[in-house]
Protein backbone atom coordinates (compact mmCIF):
# COMPACT_ATOMS: atom_id res chain seq x y z
CA MET A 1 0.00 0.00 0.00
CA ALA A 2 1.63 3.25 -1.10
CA GLY A 3 1.76 5.96 1.51
CA HIS A 4 1.78 3.59 4.48
CA MET A 5 4.42 4.72 6.91
CA PRO A 6 6.63 2.25 8.74
CA GLN A 7 5.72 1.83 12.38
CA ALA A 8 7.86 0.79 15.30
CA GLU A 9 7.05 0.10 18.93
CA ALA A 10 9.06 -0.28 22.12
CA ARG A 11 7.86 -1.16 25.62
CA VAL A 12 9.88 0.15 28.52
CA VAL A 13 9.47 0.38 32.29
CA LEU A 14 10.46 3.57 34.09
CA SER A 15 13.16 2.62 36.56
CA ASN A 16 14.39 6.03 37.67
CA LYS A 17 13.25 6.83 41.20
CA MET A 18 11.53 10.12 40.40
CA GLY A 19 9.56 8.85 37.42
CA LEU A 20 8.76 11.08 34.47
CA HIS A 21 9.37 14.51 36.02
CA ALA A 22 10.38 17.69 34.18
CA ARG A 23 13.99 16.81 33.33
CA PRO A 24 13.36 13.35 31.82
CA SER A 25 10.28 14.72 30.01
CA THR A 26 12.45 17.43 28.49
CA GLN A 27 15.07 14.84 27.48
CA ILE A 28 12.40 12.69 25.80
CA ALA A 29 10.90 15.66 23.94
CA THR A 30 14.35 16.88 22.83
CA THR A 31 15.36 13.41 21.63
CA ALA A 32 12.01 12.80 19.91
CA SER A 33 12.26 16.15 18.12
CA ARG A 34 15.42 15.00 16.34
CA PHE A 35 13.32 12.53 14.33
CA GLN A 36 10.92 13.14 11.46
CA SER A 37 8.50 10.46 12.66
CA ASP A 38 5.33 11.09 14.63
CA ILE A 39 6.18 9.67 18.05
CA HIS A 40 3.73 8.93 20.83
CA ILE A 41 4.09 7.55 24.32
CA ALA A 42 1.28 5.67 26.03
CA LYS A 43 0.72 4.84 29.68
CA ASP A 44 -2.41 2.89 30.57
CA ASP A 45 -5.13 4.43 28.35
CA MET A 46 -3.44 7.79 27.85
CA VAL A 47 -1.43 8.58 24.72
CA VAL A 48 0.62 11.76 24.34
CA ASP A 49 2.91 13.40 21.79
CA ALA A 50 6.50 12.50 22.72
CA LYS A 51 7.70 15.86 21.37
CA SER A 52 5.62 17.82 23.91
CA VAL A 53 7.06 18.25 27.42
CA LEU A 54 3.68 19.36 28.80
CA GLU A 55 1.89 16.33 27.38
CA LEU A 56 4.59 14.00 28.75
CA LEU A 57 4.17 15.52 32.22
CA MET A 58 0.41 14.87 31.99
CA LEU A 59 1.15 11.13 31.95
CA ALA A 60 2.20 11.46 35.61
CA ALA A 61 4.27 8.31 35.10
CA GLU A 62 5.94 7.15 38.29
CA CYS A 63 8.75 4.68 38.82
CA GLY A 64 7.62 1.22 37.69
CA SER A 65 5.18 2.51 35.06
CA GLN A 66 5.18 0.72 31.73
CA LEU A 67 5.40 3.06 28.76
CA ILE A 68 4.71 2.11 25.16
CA ILE A 69 6.65 4.18 22.65
CA THR A 70 5.28 4.15 19.11
CA ALA A 71 6.56 5.93 16.04
CA ASP A 72 5.27 6.33 12.51
CA GLY A 73 7.61 7.50 9.76
CA ASP A 74 10.78 6.72 7.87
CA ASP A 75 12.98 6.86 10.97
CA ALA A 76 10.45 5.18 13.29
CA SER A 77 12.67 2.32 14.42
CA GLN A 78 15.62 4.63 15.14
CA ALA A 79 13.31 6.94 17.09
CA THR A 80 11.82 4.20 19.28
CA GLN A 81 15.29 2.71 19.90
CA ALA A 82 16.73 6.09 20.92
CA LEU A 83 13.87 6.79 23.34
CA ALA A 84 13.89 3.27 24.79
CA LYS A 85 17.65 3.59 25.39
CA LEU A 86 17.07 6.93 27.15
CA VAL A 87 14.47 5.40 29.49
CA GLU A 88 16.49 2.23 30.10
CA GLY A 89 19.51 4.40 30.95
CA ARG A 90 17.34 6.11 33.58
CA PHE A 91 17.89 9.47 31.83
CA GLY A 92 21.43 9.49 33.16
CA GLU A 93 20.16 9.91 36.73
CA LEU A 94 22.51 8.48 39.30
CA ASP A 95 19.89 7.69 41.92
CA VAL A 96 21.65 4.69 43.37
CA ASP A 97 19.54 2.86 45.94
CA GLY A 98 21.54 3.08 49.14
């Protein structure tokens, strides 16, 4: 089918202690904005634009939340991989459980 865009999906679990607060939300939006694809992140029944910090904050995702990252576009798989890696790396937060 001509015009169908490739789609990619990644499932990740938030493991940073503070969850999806302002700084990780900003990192996700900044990373997502580097890609041409339409990228969305879902938590439970809520789906938001991964390029919008305000929408990401509305997810109110806490530590342990499962997020589903989906992307539609030519660079969809690169986009989902980059965002999954960001989440899995705990946004570079060094919140070591002591």
